[in-house]
N, C-alpha and C. Protein backbone atom coordinates (compact mmCIF):
# COMPACT_ATOMS: atom_id res chain seq x y z
N MET A 1 0.80 -1.10 -0.09
CA MET A 1 0.04 0.04 0.30
C MET A 1 0.94 1.26 -0.32
N LYS A 2 0.30 2.27 -0.57
CA LYS A 2 1.13 3.58 -0.73
C LYS A 2 0.12 4.46 -0.04
N ILE A 3 0.82 5.69 0.69
CA ILE A 3 -0.23 6.63 1.33
C ILE A 3 0.25 7.77 0.60
N THR A 4 -0.58 8.82 0.24
CA THR A 4 -0.48 9.96 -0.26
C THR A 4 -0.89 11.00 0.69
N LEU A 5 -0.22 11.95 1.19
CA LEU A 5 -1.26 13.16 1.67
C LEU A 5 -0.96 14.50 0.72
N LEU A 6 -2.42 14.80 0.34
CA LEU A 6 -2.17 15.71 -0.65
C LEU A 6 -2.77 17.20 0.04
N CYS A 7 -2.07 18.14 -0.14
CA CYS A 7 -2.10 19.51 0.42
C CYS A 7 -2.01 20.84 -0.46
N ILE A 8 -3.05 21.73 0.01
CA ILE A 8 -3.05 23.06 -0.84
C ILE A 8 -2.31 23.81 0.00
N GLY A 9 -1.20 24.77 -0.81
CA GLY A 9 -0.38 25.61 -0.39
C GLY A 9 0.90 25.04 0.58
N LYS A 10 1.97 25.88 0.49
CA LYS A 10 2.97 25.18 1.02
C LYS A 10 3.19 25.61 2.61
N THR A 11 3.98 24.97 3.32
CA THR A 11 4.16 25.19 4.76
C THR A 11 5.07 26.33 5.13
N ASP A 12 5.02 27.22 5.70
CA ASP A 12 5.82 28.55 5.78
C ASP A 12 6.80 28.46 7.01
N GLU A 13 5.99 27.72 8.28
CA GLU A 13 6.79 27.67 9.46
C GLU A 13 7.85 26.76 9.54
N LYS A 14 8.90 27.12 9.78
CA LYS A 14 10.19 26.29 10.01
C LYS A 14 10.16 25.28 11.02
N TYR A 15 9.42 25.74 11.94
CA TYR A 15 9.37 24.41 13.21
C TYR A 15 8.64 23.46 12.44
N LEU A 16 7.52 23.86 11.87
CA LEU A 16 6.49 22.80 11.41
C LEU A 16 7.00 22.00 10.17
N ILE A 17 7.85 22.83 9.20
CA ILE A 17 8.63 22.15 8.43
C ILE A 17 9.78 20.97 8.91
N GLU A 18 10.33 21.33 9.78
CA GLU A 18 11.21 20.46 10.74
C GLU A 18 10.46 19.12 11.19
N GLY A 19 9.39 19.44 12.03
CA GLY A 19 8.28 18.24 12.49
C GLY A 19 7.97 17.61 11.34
N ILE A 20 7.76 17.90 10.50
CA ILE A 20 6.91 16.95 9.01
C ILE A 20 8.15 16.21 8.53
N GLU A 21 9.13 16.85 8.30
CA GLU A 21 10.54 16.17 7.78
C GLU A 21 11.13 14.94 9.05
N LYS A 22 10.74 15.04 10.21
CA LYS A 22 11.16 14.38 10.94
C LYS A 22 10.40 13.12 11.07
N TYR A 23 9.00 13.38 10.68
CA TYR A 23 8.03 12.03 10.98
C TYR A 23 8.20 11.38 9.51
N LEU A 24 8.45 12.17 8.46
CA LEU A 24 8.53 11.62 7.21
C LEU A 24 9.52 10.76 7.03
N LYS A 25 10.81 11.01 7.65
CA LYS A 25 12.06 10.20 7.69
C LYS A 25 11.78 8.81 8.45
N ARG A 26 10.86 8.89 9.39
CA ARG A 26 10.53 8.07 10.20
C ARG A 26 9.52 6.96 9.36
N LEU A 27 8.82 7.29 8.86
CA LEU A 27 7.41 6.71 8.08
C LEU A 27 8.31 5.84 6.89
N LYS A 28 9.39 6.47 6.32
CA LYS A 28 9.79 5.41 5.23
C LYS A 28 10.28 4.06 5.42
N PHE A 29 10.77 3.89 6.93
CA PHE A 29 10.79 2.65 7.25
C PHE A 29 9.52 1.54 7.45
N TYR A 30 8.37 2.42 7.23
CA TYR A 30 7.19 1.39 7.54
C TYR A 30 6.23 1.31 5.94
N ILE A 31 6.13 2.14 5.24
CA ILE A 31 5.55 2.47 4.08
C ILE A 31 6.05 3.52 3.16
N THR A 32 5.32 3.25 1.89
CA THR A 32 5.81 4.41 1.05
C THR A 32 4.70 5.52 1.18
N PHE A 33 5.41 6.79 1.78
CA PHE A 33 4.58 8.10 1.91
C PHE A 33 4.92 9.19 1.03
N ASN A 34 4.12 9.59 0.54
CA ASN A 34 4.29 10.88 -0.28
C ASN A 34 3.58 11.85 0.27
N LEU A 35 4.17 13.33 0.48
CA LEU A 35 3.56 14.33 0.72
C LEU A 35 3.74 15.10 -0.61
N VAL A 36 2.38 15.46 -1.06
CA VAL A 36 2.04 16.24 -2.11
C VAL A 36 1.64 17.79 -1.95
N VAL A 37 2.37 18.82 -2.31
CA VAL A 37 1.83 19.92 -1.75
C VAL A 37 1.62 20.68 -3.06
N ILE A 38 0.44 21.20 -3.19
CA ILE A 38 -0.34 21.64 -4.67
C ILE A 38 0.04 23.23 -4.25
N PRO A 39 0.84 24.14 -5.27
CA PRO A 39 0.56 25.63 -5.08
C PRO A 39 -0.64 26.21 -4.60
N ASP A 40 -0.71 27.34 -4.02
CA ASP A 40 -2.02 27.96 -3.74
C ASP A 40 -2.29 28.68 -5.01
N ILE A 41 -3.83 28.67 -4.87
CA ILE A 41 -4.24 29.26 -6.07
C ILE A 41 -3.80 30.95 -5.99
N LYS A 42 -3.50 31.22 -7.68
CA LYS A 42 -2.99 32.45 -7.78
C LYS A 42 -4.25 33.46 -7.78
N ASN A 43 -4.16 34.76 -7.52
CA ASN A 43 -5.08 35.71 -7.47
C ASN A 43 -6.44 35.68 -6.80
N SER A 44 -6.11 34.61 -5.61
CA SER A 44 -7.42 34.08 -4.95
C SER A 44 -7.99 35.42 -4.29
N LYS A 45 -7.46 36.55 -4.15
CA LYS A 45 -8.13 37.66 -3.66
C LYS A 45 -9.47 37.94 -4.69
N ASN A 46 -9.32 38.04 -5.80
CA ASN A 46 -10.31 38.21 -6.81
C ASN A 46 -11.29 37.11 -6.86
N LEU A 47 -11.35 36.13 -6.08
CA LEU A 47 -12.28 35.02 -6.35
C LEU A 47 -13.30 34.65 -5.47
N THR A 48 -14.46 34.26 -5.66
CA THR A 48 -15.09 34.03 -4.11
C THR A 48 -14.79 32.68 -3.70
N GLN A 49 -15.20 32.45 -2.55
CA GLN A 49 -14.82 31.17 -1.74
C GLN A 49 -15.12 29.93 -2.75
N GLU A 50 -16.50 30.02 -3.23
CA GLU A 50 -16.70 28.88 -4.09
C GLU A 50 -15.86 28.54 -5.26
N GLN A 51 -15.70 29.66 -5.76
CA GLN A 51 -14.80 29.87 -7.14
C GLN A 51 -13.27 29.22 -6.67
N GLN A 52 -12.56 29.63 -5.50
CA GLN A 52 -11.43 29.08 -5.20
C GLN A 52 -11.59 27.70 -4.82
N LYS A 53 -12.50 27.28 -4.09
CA LYS A 53 -12.99 25.74 -3.86
C LYS A 53 -12.75 24.96 -5.12
N GLU A 54 -13.47 25.40 -6.47
CA GLU A 54 -13.51 24.91 -7.44
C GLU A 54 -12.17 24.75 -8.22
N LYS A 55 -11.43 25.46 -7.98
CA LYS A 55 -10.08 25.70 -8.79
C LYS A 55 -9.00 25.07 -7.97
N GLU A 56 -9.09 24.74 -6.71
CA GLU A 56 -8.61 23.82 -5.93
C GLU A 56 -9.01 22.38 -6.46
N ALA A 57 -10.50 21.93 -6.61
CA ALA A 57 -10.78 20.60 -6.83
C ALA A 57 -9.99 20.50 -7.95
N GLN A 58 -10.10 21.22 -9.07
CA GLN A 58 -9.54 20.78 -10.25
C GLN A 58 -8.09 20.29 -9.96
N LEU A 59 -7.45 21.10 -9.26
CA LEU A 59 -6.06 20.76 -9.27
C LEU A 59 -5.74 19.35 -8.59
N LEU A 60 -6.71 19.36 -7.26
CA LEU A 60 -6.49 17.91 -6.82
C LEU A 60 -6.93 16.75 -7.40
N GLN A 61 -7.80 16.81 -8.49
CA GLN A 61 -8.33 15.54 -9.04
C GLN A 61 -7.37 15.38 -10.06
N LYS A 62 -6.21 16.22 -10.42
CA LYS A 62 -5.14 15.71 -11.25
C LYS A 62 -4.35 14.61 -10.68
N TYR A 63 -4.26 14.48 -9.18
CA TYR A 63 -3.45 13.44 -8.38
C TYR A 63 -4.39 12.26 -8.07
N ILE A 64 -5.62 12.33 -8.61
CA ILE A 64 -6.45 11.00 -8.03
C ILE A 64 -6.86 10.05 -9.20
N THR A 65 -6.78 9.07 -9.13
CA THR A 65 -7.15 7.87 -10.14
C THR A 65 -8.62 7.29 -9.52
N SER A 66 -9.28 6.85 -10.61
CA SER A 66 -10.25 6.12 -10.32
C SER A 66 -10.28 4.80 -9.20
N HIS A 67 -9.06 4.27 -9.14
CA HIS A 67 -8.54 3.30 -8.37
C HIS A 67 -8.28 3.58 -6.84
N ASP A 68 -8.02 4.82 -6.60
CA ASP A 68 -7.48 5.60 -5.35
C ASP A 68 -8.81 5.60 -4.28
N THR A 69 -8.28 5.28 -3.06
CA THR A 69 -9.15 5.40 -2.00
C THR A 69 -9.08 6.80 -1.25
N VAL A 70 -9.81 7.45 -1.62
CA VAL A 70 -9.99 8.95 -1.19
C VAL A 70 -10.24 9.10 0.28
N VAL A 71 -9.70 9.76 1.24
CA VAL A 71 -10.03 9.91 2.71
C VAL A 71 -9.87 11.79 2.71
N LEU A 72 -10.82 12.52 3.09
CA LEU A 72 -10.77 13.88 3.29
C LEU A 72 -10.53 14.08 4.69
N LEU A 73 -9.45 14.86 5.18
CA LEU A 73 -9.39 15.36 6.64
C LEU A 73 -10.43 16.53 6.47
N ASP A 74 -11.36 16.39 7.28
CA ASP A 74 -12.42 17.09 7.48
C ASP A 74 -13.01 17.63 8.83
N GLU A 75 -13.38 18.39 9.33
CA GLU A 75 -13.94 18.66 10.51
C GLU A 75 -15.35 18.09 10.99
N PHE A 76 -16.03 17.49 9.99
CA PHE A 76 -16.98 16.63 10.03
C PHE A 76 -16.84 15.18 10.01
N GLY A 77 -15.64 14.61 9.73
CA GLY A 77 -15.27 13.38 9.59
C GLY A 77 -15.51 12.44 11.09
N LYS A 78 -15.19 11.09 10.62
CA LYS A 78 -15.11 10.40 11.91
C LYS A 78 -14.15 10.45 12.61
N GLU A 79 -13.91 10.51 13.97
CA GLU A 79 -12.84 10.64 14.83
C GLU A 79 -12.35 9.32 15.26
N TYR A 80 -10.90 9.23 15.26
CA TYR A 80 -10.23 7.92 16.02
C TYR A 80 -9.49 8.17 16.88
N ARG A 81 -9.40 7.08 17.64
CA ARG A 81 -8.20 7.36 18.77
C ARG A 81 -7.12 6.58 17.93
N SER A 82 -5.65 6.96 18.48
CA SER A 82 -4.81 6.44 17.81
C SER A 82 -4.79 5.10 17.56
N LEU A 83 -4.98 4.24 18.51
CA LEU A 83 -5.16 2.67 18.01
C LEU A 83 -6.21 2.48 16.89
N GLU A 84 -7.29 3.00 17.17
CA GLU A 84 -8.45 2.77 15.88
C GLU A 84 -7.73 3.15 14.62
N PHE A 85 -6.99 4.30 14.87
CA PHE A 85 -6.60 4.81 13.39
C PHE A 85 -5.21 3.74 12.83
N ALA A 86 -4.77 3.17 13.77
CA ALA A 86 -3.65 2.05 13.38
C ALA A 86 -4.60 1.05 12.80
N SER A 87 -5.74 0.43 13.44
CA SER A 87 -6.60 -0.34 13.05
C SER A 87 -7.00 -0.27 11.82
N TYR A 88 -7.32 0.89 11.44
CA TYR A 88 -7.78 1.63 9.98
C TYR A 88 -6.78 1.35 9.17
N LEU A 89 -5.74 1.81 9.19
CA LEU A 89 -4.73 1.52 8.23
C LEU A 89 -4.55 -0.04 7.94
N GLU A 90 -4.36 -0.81 9.10
CA GLU A 90 -4.09 -2.06 8.93
C GLU A 90 -5.35 -2.77 8.22
N LYS A 91 -6.50 -2.46 8.38
CA LYS A 91 -7.74 -2.85 7.80
C LYS A 91 -7.38 -2.45 6.03
N HIS A 92 -7.05 -1.72 5.81
CA HIS A 92 -6.86 -0.84 4.38
C HIS A 92 -5.49 -2.09 3.85
N MET A 93 -4.54 -2.39 4.61
CA MET A 93 -3.36 -3.23 4.14
C MET A 93 -4.06 -4.62 3.89
N ILE A 94 -4.96 -4.86 4.85
CA ILE A 94 -5.30 -6.57 4.65
C ILE A 94 -6.36 -6.40 3.44
N GLN A 95 -6.97 -5.46 3.31
CA GLN A 95 -7.75 -5.28 1.98
C GLN A 95 -7.05 -5.12 0.63
N SER A 96 -5.74 -5.01 0.73
CA SER A 96 -5.12 -4.62 -0.29
C SER A 96 -5.30 -3.39 -1.11
N THR A 97 -5.74 -2.35 -0.21
CA THR A 97 -5.72 -1.14 -0.86
C THR A 97 -4.35 -0.62 -1.32
N GLN A 98 -4.55 -0.33 -2.76
CA GLN A 98 -3.19 0.29 -3.49
C GLN A 98 -2.84 1.30 -3.14
N HIS A 99 -3.52 2.53 -2.97
CA HIS A 99 -3.29 3.70 -2.93
C HIS A 99 -4.25 4.73 -1.92
N LEU A 100 -3.84 4.73 -0.76
CA LEU A 100 -4.48 5.49 0.10
C LEU A 100 -4.24 6.87 -0.05
N ILE A 101 -5.11 7.77 -0.28
CA ILE A 101 -4.89 9.20 -0.49
C ILE A 101 -5.72 10.01 0.30
N PHE A 102 -5.16 10.79 1.22
CA PHE A 102 -5.59 11.75 2.26
C PHE A 102 -5.31 13.20 1.61
N ILE A 103 -6.42 14.00 1.97
CA ILE A 103 -6.32 15.40 1.43
C ILE A 103 -6.79 16.23 2.63
N ILE A 104 -6.04 17.20 2.73
CA ILE A 104 -6.08 18.50 3.39
C ILE A 104 -6.50 19.55 2.34
N GLY A 105 -7.61 20.40 3.01
CA GLY A 105 -8.20 21.31 1.84
C GLY A 105 -7.56 22.70 1.94
N GLY A 106 -8.25 23.54 1.17
CA GLY A 106 -7.61 24.79 1.18
C GLY A 106 -8.27 25.66 2.58
N PRO A 107 -8.42 26.89 2.63
CA PRO A 107 -9.02 27.58 3.62
C PRO A 107 -10.34 27.51 3.96
N TYR A 108 -11.20 27.37 2.81
CA TYR A 108 -12.55 27.17 2.81
C TYR A 108 -13.23 25.84 2.75
N GLY A 109 -12.32 24.79 2.91
CA GLY A 109 -12.88 23.40 2.81
C GLY A 109 -12.68 22.85 1.36
N PHE A 110 -13.71 21.93 1.04
CA PHE A 110 -13.71 21.15 -0.29
C PHE A 110 -14.77 21.63 -1.10
N ASP A 111 -14.57 21.59 -2.47
CA ASP A 111 -15.86 21.73 -3.27
C ASP A 111 -16.77 20.42 -3.40
N ASP A 112 -17.87 20.62 -3.68
CA ASP A 112 -18.41 19.47 -3.60
C ASP A 112 -18.10 18.27 -4.66
N GLN A 113 -17.32 18.62 -5.67
CA GLN A 113 -17.12 17.43 -6.33
C GLN A 113 -15.86 16.40 -5.68
N ILE A 114 -15.19 17.25 -5.01
CA ILE A 114 -14.17 16.39 -4.04
C ILE A 114 -15.19 15.50 -2.83
N TYR A 115 -16.06 16.09 -2.43
CA TYR A 115 -16.88 15.49 -1.37
C TYR A 115 -17.48 14.19 -1.96
N GLN A 116 -18.01 14.48 -3.18
CA GLN A 116 -18.42 13.29 -4.05
C GLN A 116 -17.74 12.08 -4.44
N ARG A 117 -16.33 12.44 -4.63
CA ARG A 117 -15.33 11.52 -5.20
C ARG A 117 -14.91 10.85 -4.04
N ALA A 118 -14.91 11.58 -2.48
CA ALA A 118 -14.24 10.91 -1.53
C ALA A 118 -14.84 9.82 -1.03
N ASN A 119 -14.23 8.48 -0.52
CA ASN A 119 -14.56 7.16 0.02
C ASN A 119 -14.98 7.44 1.68
N GLN A 120 -14.18 8.50 2.46
CA GLN A 120 -14.47 8.70 3.70
C GLN A 120 -14.02 9.88 4.15
N LYS A 121 -14.60 10.41 5.17
CA LYS A 121 -14.13 11.75 6.06
C LYS A 121 -13.62 11.35 7.44
N ILE A 122 -12.42 11.99 7.64
CA ILE A 122 -11.70 11.62 9.13
C ILE A 122 -11.57 13.19 9.64
N SER A 123 -12.06 13.05 10.79
CA SER A 123 -11.54 14.58 11.59
C SER A 123 -10.48 14.16 12.67
N LEU A 124 -9.22 14.91 12.58
CA LEU A 124 -8.16 14.76 13.73
C LEU A 124 -8.71 15.63 15.11
N SER A 125 -9.67 16.44 14.80
CA SER A 125 -9.99 16.94 16.10
C SER A 125 -11.33 17.51 16.12
N LYS A 126 -11.93 17.79 17.13
CA LYS A 126 -13.37 18.84 16.99
C LYS A 126 -12.70 20.23 17.25
N MET A 127 -11.65 20.50 17.65
CA MET A 127 -10.99 21.81 17.50
C MET A 127 -10.43 22.16 15.89
N THR A 128 -10.20 23.29 15.64
CA THR A 128 -9.94 23.79 14.29
C THR A 128 -8.54 24.22 14.49
N PHE A 129 -7.67 23.62 13.64
CA PHE A 129 -6.12 24.10 13.56
C PHE A 129 -5.80 24.52 12.12
N SER A 130 -4.52 25.21 12.00
CA SER A 130 -4.04 25.76 10.75
C SER A 130 -3.91 24.54 9.79
N HIS A 131 -4.06 24.79 8.77
CA HIS A 131 -3.85 23.79 7.71
C HIS A 131 -2.30 23.42 7.55
N GLN A 132 -1.31 24.16 8.04
CA GLN A 132 -0.05 23.87 8.10
C GLN A 132 0.08 23.11 9.32
N MET A 133 -0.62 23.17 10.38
CA MET A 133 -0.41 22.29 11.53
C MET A 133 -0.87 20.75 11.27
N ILE A 134 -2.20 20.86 10.73
CA ILE A 134 -2.82 19.68 10.50
C ILE A 134 -1.53 18.83 9.78
N ARG A 135 -0.71 19.14 8.94
CA ARG A 135 0.09 18.17 8.26
C ARG A 135 0.92 17.38 9.12
N LEU A 136 1.39 18.55 9.98
CA LEU A 136 2.31 18.07 11.09
C LEU A 136 1.46 16.73 11.86
N PHE A 137 0.46 17.21 12.44
CA PHE A 137 -0.35 16.06 13.15
C PHE A 137 -0.82 14.77 12.58
N PHE A 138 -0.97 15.14 11.26
CA PHE A 138 -1.28 13.86 10.47
C PHE A 138 -0.14 12.83 10.21
N VAL A 139 1.03 13.36 9.89
CA VAL A 139 2.06 12.41 9.79
C VAL A 139 2.69 11.99 10.96
N GLU A 140 2.72 12.78 11.88
CA GLU A 140 2.88 12.06 13.40
C GLU A 140 1.91 10.90 13.63
N GLN A 141 0.53 10.99 13.50
CA GLN A 141 -0.10 10.25 13.88
C GLN A 141 -0.05 9.07 12.89
N THR A 142 0.13 9.16 11.51
CA THR A 142 0.48 7.93 11.03
C THR A 142 1.64 7.24 11.09
N TYR A 143 2.86 7.83 11.53
CA TYR A 143 3.85 7.55 12.12
C TYR A 143 3.68 6.63 13.32
N ARG A 144 2.99 7.17 14.50
CA ARG A 144 2.31 6.61 15.44
C ARG A 144 1.49 5.35 15.02
N ALA A 145 0.57 5.30 14.18
CA ALA A 145 0.03 3.98 13.84
C ALA A 145 0.96 2.89 13.49
N PHE A 146 1.85 3.19 12.49
CA PHE A 146 2.63 2.07 12.53
C PHE A 146 3.51 1.51 13.51
N SER A 147 3.89 2.48 14.23
CA SER A 147 4.65 2.00 15.51
C SER A 147 3.68 1.15 16.51
N ILE A 148 2.68 1.31 16.32
CA ILE A 148 1.67 0.60 17.32
C ILE A 148 1.30 -0.42 16.23
N LEU A 149 1.24 -0.97 15.25
CA LEU A 149 1.15 -1.79 14.58
C LEU A 149 2.38 -2.74 14.33
N LYS A 150 3.47 -2.15 14.67
CA LYS A 150 4.77 -2.97 14.64
C LYS A 150 5.34 -3.35 16.05
N GLY A 151 4.17 -2.97 17.35
CA GLY A 151 4.44 -3.10 18.42
C GLY A 151 5.66 -2.47 19.22
N GLU A 152 5.89 -1.34 18.58
CA GLU A 152 7.19 -0.73 18.99
C GLU A 152 6.71 0.42 20.16
N PRO A 153 7.72 0.74 21.06
CA PRO A 153 7.47 1.56 22.25
C PRO A 153 6.88 3.10 22.24
N TYR A 154 6.75 3.64 21.13
CA TYR A 154 6.46 5.19 20.71
C TYR A 154 5.22 5.55 21.36
N HIS A 155 4.43 4.54 21.27
CA HIS A 155 2.84 4.82 22.07
C HIS A 155 2.67 4.01 23.18
N HIS A 156 2.24 5.02 24.32
CA HIS A 156 1.97 4.26 25.64
C HIS A 156 0.42 4.30 25.66
N GLU A 157 -0.09 3.32 26.26
CA GLU A 157 -1.51 3.15 26.63
C GLU A 157 -1.89 2.42 27.76
């Protein structure tokens, strides 16, 4: 199985970049994990929220095939504890999911065409975090999930 995290816009904060890179290095021992950053929409100030979401959707769809399993990181998605998320990933591996794509949308969320294409929505918290922070949280939780599956001492419960 391959996992891709699709994001809109670059990460600006150095401390977030360093954290993301730390967990990306650790993840490569468990799985093929790709972080794909799609550039921000140009001239977004001249667009409505709906127009911006539609343009982002067009860019996102270039990275998604009909065979991919698409999971949106969305505030209204299902919440998992870390052990449950590990089981969720394990289930996809057992089911021979080839490519699991997680998507962090832009500042206004997702266009309807992305919601319609998605196989599932997951929420990392009921709280709202910046899109840049969510990247770090997701990569860390994915690393944590694989360390749980391997029985390694990273996660304590």
